[in-house]
Amino acid sequence: IHTEMQMIGCSETERAYDVSLDEEDVIVVDFIAERVVDTRPSFVDHISFGKDTFQVAMGNLITCRRNLNITQKALKDQPLES
């Protein structure tokens, strides 16, 4: 059995998207260069990802930032617990 995990993270200024297989990074998205980076060494078999992987990551980033905005608005007037 293998485990695949996709991690999407965002803030107002930062963003991250990576895919791991069995707890090893497989790809990361470089949002500045607008490309997907294969992080596996050359001596292993590579899994091919679709040509739309960067667009999928961008869609997930948009959703992440939308959710962040909704959460910030919902918690804006909540007192901090001490």
N, C-alpha and C. Protein backbone atom coordinates (compact mmCIF):
# COMPACT_ATOMS: atom_id res chain seq x y z
N ILE A 1 0.85 -1.17 0.00
CA ILE A 1 0.00 0.00 0.00
C ILE A 1 0.90 1.24 0.00
N HIS A 2 0.54 2.19 -0.83
CA HIS A 2 1.27 3.45 -0.90
C HIS A 2 0.37 4.59 -0.45
N THR A 3 0.97 5.63 0.06
CA THR A 3 0.23 6.79 0.53
C THR A 3 0.66 8.02 -0.25
N GLU A 4 -0.31 8.70 -0.84
CA GLU A 4 -0.04 9.97 -1.52
C GLU A 4 -0.65 11.09 -0.70
N MET A 5 0.09 12.18 -0.56
CA MET A 5 -0.42 13.32 0.18
C MET A 5 -0.15 14.59 -0.62
N GLN A 6 -1.16 15.45 -0.69
CA GLN A 6 -1.00 16.76 -1.31
C GLN A 6 -1.09 17.80 -0.21
N MET A 7 -0.13 18.71 -0.17
CA MET A 7 -0.12 19.76 0.83
C MET A 7 -0.29 21.10 0.12
N ILE A 8 -1.28 21.84 0.56
CA ILE A 8 -1.54 23.17 0.04
C ILE A 8 -1.49 24.12 1.22
N GLY A 9 -0.69 25.14 1.12
CA GLY A 9 -0.58 26.12 2.19
C GLY A 9 -0.57 27.52 1.62
N CYS A 10 -1.14 28.45 2.37
CA CYS A 10 -1.14 29.83 1.88
C CYS A 10 -1.28 30.79 3.05
N SER A 11 -0.80 31.98 2.81
CA SER A 11 -1.05 33.13 3.66
C SER A 11 -1.33 34.28 2.71
N GLU A 12 -1.38 35.48 3.23
CA GLU A 12 -1.61 36.61 2.33
C GLU A 12 -0.43 36.82 1.39
N THR A 13 0.76 36.37 1.79
CA THR A 13 1.96 36.60 0.97
C THR A 13 2.67 35.33 0.53
N GLU A 14 2.46 34.24 1.22
CA GLU A 14 3.18 33.00 0.92
C GLU A 14 2.24 31.97 0.30
N ARG A 15 2.84 30.98 -0.38
CA ARG A 15 2.05 29.91 -0.99
C ARG A 15 2.93 28.68 -1.15
N ALA A 16 2.30 27.52 -1.03
CA ALA A 16 3.04 26.27 -1.17
C ALA A 16 2.10 25.18 -1.66
N TYR A 17 2.63 24.31 -2.49
CA TYR A 17 1.89 23.14 -2.97
C TYR A 17 2.92 22.06 -3.25
N ASP A 18 2.76 20.93 -2.60
CA ASP A 18 3.65 19.82 -2.93
C ASP A 18 2.91 18.50 -2.81
N VAL A 19 3.44 17.52 -3.48
CA VAL A 19 2.88 16.17 -3.49
C VAL A 19 3.95 15.23 -3.00
N SER A 20 3.57 14.34 -2.08
CA SER A 20 4.52 13.34 -1.59
C SER A 20 3.92 11.95 -1.77
N LEU A 21 4.80 11.00 -1.92
CA LEU A 21 4.43 9.59 -2.05
C LEU A 21 5.22 8.84 -1.00
N ASP A 22 4.51 8.15 -0.12
CA ASP A 22 5.14 7.42 0.98
C ASP A 22 6.09 8.33 1.77
N GLU A 23 5.60 9.53 2.08
CA GLU A 23 6.30 10.51 2.90
C GLU A 23 7.56 11.09 2.27
N GLU A 24 7.73 10.91 0.97
CA GLU A 24 8.86 11.50 0.24
C GLU A 24 8.30 12.49 -0.77
N ASP A 25 8.86 13.70 -0.79
CA ASP A 25 8.41 14.69 -1.77
C ASP A 25 8.61 14.16 -3.18
N VAL A 26 7.60 14.34 -4.01
CA VAL A 26 7.66 13.92 -5.40
C VAL A 26 7.74 15.15 -6.30
N ILE A 27 6.87 16.11 -6.05
CA ILE A 27 6.92 17.37 -6.79
C ILE A 27 6.64 18.52 -5.84
N VAL A 28 7.15 19.67 -6.19
CA VAL A 28 6.78 20.93 -5.56
C VAL A 28 6.46 21.91 -6.68
N VAL A 29 5.63 22.87 -6.38
CA VAL A 29 5.29 23.87 -7.39
C VAL A 29 6.07 25.15 -7.07
N ASP A 30 6.77 25.64 -8.07
CA ASP A 30 7.47 26.92 -7.97
C ASP A 30 6.54 27.97 -8.57
N PHE A 31 5.83 28.68 -7.70
CA PHE A 31 4.85 29.66 -8.17
C PHE A 31 5.52 30.86 -8.82
N ILE A 32 6.72 31.20 -8.40
CA ILE A 32 7.42 32.35 -8.99
C ILE A 32 7.80 32.05 -10.43
N ALA A 33 8.38 30.86 -10.67
CA ALA A 33 8.78 30.47 -12.03
C ALA A 33 7.62 29.86 -12.81
N GLU A 34 6.48 29.67 -12.14
CA GLU A 34 5.29 29.09 -12.76
C GLU A 34 5.58 27.73 -13.40
N ARG A 35 6.14 26.83 -12.57
CA ARG A 35 6.46 25.49 -13.07
C ARG A 35 6.38 24.47 -11.95
N VAL A 36 6.28 23.22 -12.35
CA VAL A 36 6.27 22.10 -11.43
C VAL A 36 7.68 21.52 -11.41
N VAL A 37 8.22 21.28 -10.21
CA VAL A 37 9.58 20.78 -10.07
C VAL A 37 9.53 19.34 -9.55
N ASP A 38 10.10 18.43 -10.31
CA ASP A 38 10.22 17.03 -9.90
C ASP A 38 11.41 16.94 -8.95
N THR A 39 11.17 16.54 -7.71
CA THR A 39 12.22 16.54 -6.69
C THR A 39 12.91 15.19 -6.51
N ARG A 40 12.53 14.21 -7.29
CA ARG A 40 13.12 12.88 -7.12
C ARG A 40 14.47 12.79 -7.83
N PRO A 41 15.36 11.98 -7.27
CA PRO A 41 16.67 11.82 -7.91
C PRO A 41 16.54 11.11 -9.26
N SER A 42 17.53 11.30 -10.11
CA SER A 42 17.46 10.77 -11.48
C SER A 42 17.48 9.25 -11.55
N PHE A 43 17.96 8.57 -10.51
CA PHE A 43 18.08 7.11 -10.58
C PHE A 43 16.81 6.35 -10.20
N VAL A 44 15.72 7.05 -9.87
CA VAL A 44 14.47 6.37 -9.53
C VAL A 44 13.49 6.47 -10.69
N ASP A 45 12.52 5.56 -10.70
CA ASP A 45 11.46 5.64 -11.71
C ASP A 45 10.58 6.85 -11.40
N HIS A 46 10.24 7.57 -12.43
CA HIS A 46 9.46 8.79 -12.25
C HIS A 46 8.02 8.57 -12.68
N ILE A 47 7.13 9.16 -11.92
CA ILE A 47 5.70 9.16 -12.23
C ILE A 47 5.46 10.42 -13.06
N SER A 48 4.72 10.29 -14.13
CA SER A 48 4.43 11.49 -14.91
C SER A 48 3.14 12.13 -14.40
N PHE A 49 3.17 13.43 -14.32
CA PHE A 49 2.00 14.19 -13.90
C PHE A 49 1.43 14.89 -15.12
N GLY A 50 0.16 15.19 -15.07
CA GLY A 50 -0.50 15.83 -16.20
C GLY A 50 0.08 17.20 -16.51
N LYS A 51 -0.10 17.62 -17.73
CA LYS A 51 0.40 18.93 -18.15
C LYS A 51 -0.32 20.07 -17.43
N ASP A 52 -1.47 19.76 -16.84
CA ASP A 52 -2.23 20.80 -16.15
C ASP A 52 -1.94 20.86 -14.65
N THR A 53 -0.89 20.21 -14.19
CA THR A 53 -0.58 20.17 -12.77
C THR A 53 -0.39 21.56 -12.19
N PHE A 54 0.29 22.44 -12.91
CA PHE A 54 0.47 23.80 -12.40
C PHE A 54 -0.87 24.52 -12.29
N GLN A 55 -1.74 24.34 -13.27
CA GLN A 55 -3.06 24.98 -13.21
C GLN A 55 -3.89 24.43 -12.05
N VAL A 56 -3.77 23.14 -11.78
CA VAL A 56 -4.46 22.54 -10.64
C VAL A 56 -3.95 23.17 -9.34
N ALA A 57 -2.64 23.33 -9.24
CA ALA A 57 -2.05 23.95 -8.05
C ALA A 57 -2.54 25.39 -7.89
N MET A 58 -2.63 26.13 -9.00
CA MET A 58 -3.13 27.51 -8.94
C MET A 58 -4.59 27.54 -8.48
N GLY A 59 -5.40 26.61 -8.97
CA GLY A 59 -6.79 26.53 -8.52
C GLY A 59 -6.89 26.24 -7.04
N ASN A 60 -6.03 25.34 -6.55
CA ASN A 60 -6.02 25.03 -5.12
C ASN A 60 -5.55 26.23 -4.30
N LEU A 61 -4.60 26.99 -4.83
CA LEU A 61 -4.13 28.19 -4.14
C LEU A 61 -5.24 29.23 -4.04
N ILE A 62 -5.99 29.41 -5.11
CA ILE A 62 -7.11 30.36 -5.09
C ILE A 62 -8.13 29.94 -4.03
N THR A 63 -8.43 28.65 -3.97
CA THR A 63 -9.36 28.14 -2.96
C THR A 63 -8.81 28.36 -1.56
N CYS A 64 -7.52 28.10 -1.37
CA CYS A 64 -6.88 28.28 -0.07
C CYS A 64 -6.99 29.73 0.39
N ARG A 65 -6.69 30.65 -0.50
CA ARG A 65 -6.74 32.07 -0.13
C ARG A 65 -8.18 32.54 0.10
N ARG A 66 -9.12 32.00 -0.65
CA ARG A 66 -10.53 32.33 -0.43
C ARG A 66 -10.96 31.83 0.96
N ASN A 67 -10.59 30.60 1.29
CA ASN A 67 -10.93 30.05 2.61
C ASN A 67 -10.25 30.85 3.72
N LEU A 68 -9.01 31.26 3.51
CA LEU A 68 -8.30 32.07 4.50
C LEU A 68 -9.03 33.39 4.73
N ASN A 69 -9.46 34.01 3.66
CA ASN A 69 -10.18 35.28 3.76
C ASN A 69 -11.49 35.12 4.53
N ILE A 70 -12.23 34.06 4.23
CA ILE A 70 -13.50 33.80 4.92
C ILE A 70 -13.24 33.58 6.41
N THR A 71 -12.22 32.79 6.73
CA THR A 71 -11.90 32.50 8.13
C THR A 71 -11.46 33.76 8.86
N GLN A 72 -10.63 34.58 8.22
CA GLN A 72 -10.19 35.82 8.86
C GLN A 72 -11.38 36.73 9.16
N LYS A 73 -12.31 36.84 8.24
CA LYS A 73 -13.50 37.68 8.46
C LYS A 73 -14.36 37.11 9.59
N ALA A 74 -14.51 35.80 9.62
CA ALA A 74 -15.34 35.16 10.64
C ALA A 74 -14.74 35.31 12.03
N LEU A 75 -13.42 35.32 12.11
CA LEU A 75 -12.75 35.38 13.41
C LEU A 75 -12.32 36.79 13.80
N LYS A 76 -12.60 37.76 12.97
CA LYS A 76 -12.11 39.12 13.18
C LYS A 76 -12.49 39.68 14.54
N ASP A 77 -13.70 39.48 14.96
CA ASP A 77 -14.17 40.05 16.22
C ASP A 77 -14.12 39.07 17.39
N GLN A 78 -13.53 37.93 17.18
CA GLN A 78 -13.43 36.94 18.25
C GLN A 78 -12.31 37.35 19.21
N PRO A 79 -12.58 37.35 20.52
CA PRO A 79 -11.51 37.68 21.47
C PRO A 79 -10.48 36.54 21.53
N LEU A 80 -9.24 36.93 21.72
CA LEU A 80 -8.19 35.93 21.87
C LEU A 80 -8.29 35.32 23.26
N GLU A 81 -8.13 34.02 23.34
CA GLU A 81 -8.16 33.35 24.64
C GLU A 81 -6.82 33.57 25.31
N SER A 82 -6.86 33.73 26.63
CA SER A 82 -5.59 33.90 27.35
C SER A 82 -5.32 32.75 28.27
